[in-house]
């Protein structure tokens, strides 16, 4: 009986620890496409609801309110979180994530790019060099799993 109680406690703790890696809406990693395959999957669509997996390149160091996920050719995709409703840990660069929500083709204005650069800890000189809006793929996630 004592061993059974110990086993149940261990299983409960393991389940709790796993839940800590889920942020926002609880999702699974089943059916996720790779971040590098997302542009092809989108094709000519302006927006697409989907689930994606990829490697985190960087995270907002102010709050964890966005992350950049690696794409092809050194490009990244900015992932923000629906309704600013949750954040991710600031120390997950290099980790694999799965996120579900909506991918969109975007034109990000200079003011927003400068804000993101400031959040990322860029210097004033680097921020001042941002003078053109950027055509990019962006993602608004309902839920994130950090593996």
Protein backbone atom coordinates (compact mmCIF):
# COMPACT_ATOMS: atom_id res chain seq x y z
CA UNK A 1 0.00 0.00 0.00
CA UNK A 2 2.87 2.31 0.87
CA UNK A 3 4.46 1.70 -2.57
CA UNK A 4 1.17 2.35 -4.32
CA UNK A 5 0.81 5.71 -2.57
CA UNK A 6 4.38 6.63 -3.50
CA UNK A 7 3.73 5.67 -7.13
CA UNK A 8 0.56 7.77 -7.26
CA UNK A 9 2.38 10.79 -5.84
CA UNK A 10 5.19 10.41 -8.39
CA UNK A 11 2.72 10.13 -11.27
CA UNK A 12 0.84 13.21 -10.05
CA UNK A 13 4.07 15.21 -9.83
CA UNK A 14 5.15 14.07 -13.29
CA UNK A 15 1.79 15.15 -14.72
CA UNK A 16 2.08 18.52 -12.94
CA UNK A 17 5.61 19.06 -14.27
CA UNK A 18 4.47 18.31 -17.82
CA UNK A 19 1.56 20.77 -17.50
CA UNK A 20 4.05 23.52 -16.65
CA UNK A 21 5.37 23.37 -20.21
CA UNK A 22 1.96 24.26 -21.67
CA UNK A 23 1.16 27.98 -21.96
CA UNK A 24 -2.18 29.47 -22.99
CA UNK A 25 -4.73 27.00 -24.36
CA UNK A 26 -3.77 23.40 -23.67
CA UNK A 27 -2.66 21.81 -26.94
CA UNK A 28 -0.91 18.64 -28.08
CA UNK A 29 2.00 18.25 -30.47
CA UNK A 30 0.13 15.85 -32.77
CA UNK A 31 -0.25 17.00 -36.38
CA UNK A 32 2.18 19.92 -36.19
CA UNK A 33 4.00 20.98 -39.36
CA UNK A 34 7.57 22.23 -39.20
CA UNK A 35 8.12 25.98 -39.25
CA UNK A 36 10.25 25.55 -42.38
CA UNK A 37 7.30 23.86 -44.18
CA UNK A 38 4.75 26.52 -43.19
CA UNK A 39 5.27 28.94 -46.12
CA UNK A 40 4.66 26.12 -48.62
CA UNK A 41 1.60 24.94 -46.70
CA UNK A 42 0.18 28.48 -46.76
CA UNK A 43 0.66 28.84 -50.50
CA UNK A 44 -1.30 31.89 -51.70
CA UNK A 45 -3.46 32.12 -48.56
CA UNK A 46 -3.15 35.31 -46.51
CA UNK A 47 -3.99 33.44 -43.27
CA UNK A 48 -4.10 29.82 -42.11
CA UNK A 49 -5.15 28.18 -38.85
CA UNK A 50 -2.58 25.49 -38.07
CA UNK A 51 -0.19 23.90 -35.58
CA UNK A 52 3.56 24.40 -36.01
CA UNK A 53 6.76 23.11 -34.42
CA UNK A 54 10.15 24.79 -34.53
CA UNK A 55 13.20 26.02 -32.65
CA UNK A 56 13.10 29.27 -30.70
CA UNK A 57 15.68 31.79 -31.90
CA UNK A 58 14.90 34.52 -29.33
CA UNK A 59 12.28 35.67 -26.81
CA UNK A 60 11.09 39.09 -25.64
CA UNK A 61 13.34 39.86 -22.69
CA UNK A 62 10.89 42.35 -21.20
CA UNK A 63 8.05 39.88 -20.45
CA UNK A 64 8.22 36.83 -22.71
CA UNK A 65 5.39 38.37 -24.75
CA UNK A 66 6.73 37.16 -28.13
CA UNK A 67 9.23 34.69 -29.52
CA UNK A 68 11.00 34.28 -32.84
CA UNK A 69 11.06 30.80 -34.38
CA UNK A 70 13.68 29.78 -36.94
CA UNK A 71 12.59 29.41 -40.56
CA UNK A 72 14.63 28.73 -43.74
CA UNK A 73 17.60 30.82 -44.92
CA UNK A 74 18.21 32.46 -41.54
CA UNK A 75 14.74 34.03 -41.50
CA UNK A 76 12.57 33.97 -38.39
CA UNK A 77 8.83 34.13 -37.74
CA UNK A 78 7.53 36.25 -34.87
CA UNK A 79 5.02 34.43 -32.68
CA UNK A 80 2.79 36.57 -30.45
CA UNK A 81 0.15 35.34 -28.05
CA UNK A 82 -3.59 35.76 -28.52
CA UNK A 83 -5.04 38.78 -26.75
CA UNK A 84 -1.73 39.22 -24.87
CA UNK A 85 -3.28 36.50 -22.68
CA UNK A 86 -0.13 34.58 -21.74
CA UNK A 87 3.64 34.73 -21.96
CA UNK A 88 6.45 32.20 -22.34
CA UNK A 89 9.63 31.93 -20.24
CA UNK A 90 12.38 34.33 -21.32
CA UNK A 91 15.05 31.60 -21.27
CA UNK A 92 13.75 29.20 -23.95
CA UNK A 93 16.01 30.22 -26.86
CA UNK A 94 17.27 27.04 -28.53
CA UNK A 95 14.36 24.92 -27.30
CA UNK A 96 11.76 23.21 -29.46
CA UNK A 97 8.22 24.56 -29.24
CA UNK A 98 4.84 23.60 -30.65
CA UNK A 99 2.25 26.34 -31.11
CA UNK A 100 -1.28 26.43 -32.43
CA UNK A 101 -3.20 29.38 -33.83
CA UNK A 102 -3.18 31.47 -36.99
CA UNK A 103 -0.34 32.21 -39.38
CA UNK A 104 -0.65 35.47 -41.34
CA UNK A 105 1.27 37.24 -44.06
CA UNK A 106 2.04 40.64 -42.55
CA UNK A 107 3.61 43.98 -43.22
CA UNK A 108 5.15 45.04 -39.90
CA UNK A 109 5.50 48.83 -39.59
CA UNK A 110 8.78 50.50 -38.60
CA UNK A 111 7.39 51.60 -35.21
CA UNK A 112 6.51 48.01 -34.30
CA UNK A 113 9.87 46.67 -35.54
CA UNK A 114 11.65 49.26 -33.40
CA UNK A 115 9.52 48.30 -30.40
CA UNK A 116 10.43 44.62 -30.88
CA UNK A 117 14.13 45.52 -31.23
CA UNK A 118 13.94 47.46 -27.96
CA UNK A 119 12.25 44.47 -26.25
CA UNK A 120 15.06 42.26 -27.57
CA UNK A 121 17.68 44.51 -25.94
CA UNK A 122 19.11 45.97 -29.16
CA UNK A 123 21.24 49.12 -28.95
CA UNK A 124 19.91 52.57 -29.89
CA UNK A 125 22.15 52.49 -32.96
CA UNK A 126 20.71 49.16 -34.12
CA UNK A 127 17.16 50.42 -33.52
CA UNK A 128 17.85 53.63 -35.49
CA UNK A 129 18.89 51.52 -38.52
CA UNK A 130 15.33 50.15 -38.80
CA UNK A 131 13.82 52.40 -41.47
CA UNK A 132 11.67 50.13 -43.67
CA UNK A 133 8.56 48.06 -42.91
CA UNK A 134 9.06 44.32 -43.23
CA UNK A 135 6.99 41.80 -45.22
CA UNK A 136 6.97 38.69 -43.08
CA UNK A 137 5.11 35.66 -41.90
CA UNK A 138 3.72 36.16 -38.39
CA UNK A 139 1.81 33.87 -36.05
CA UNK A 140 -0.74 34.52 -33.30
CA UNK A 141 -0.73 31.51 -30.97
CA UNK A 142 -3.60 30.32 -28.77
CA UNK A 143 -1.34 27.82 -27.00
CA UNK A 144 2.33 26.87 -26.77
CA UNK A 145 4.19 23.78 -25.61
CA UNK A 146 7.84 24.16 -24.65
CA UNK A 147 9.66 20.84 -24.94
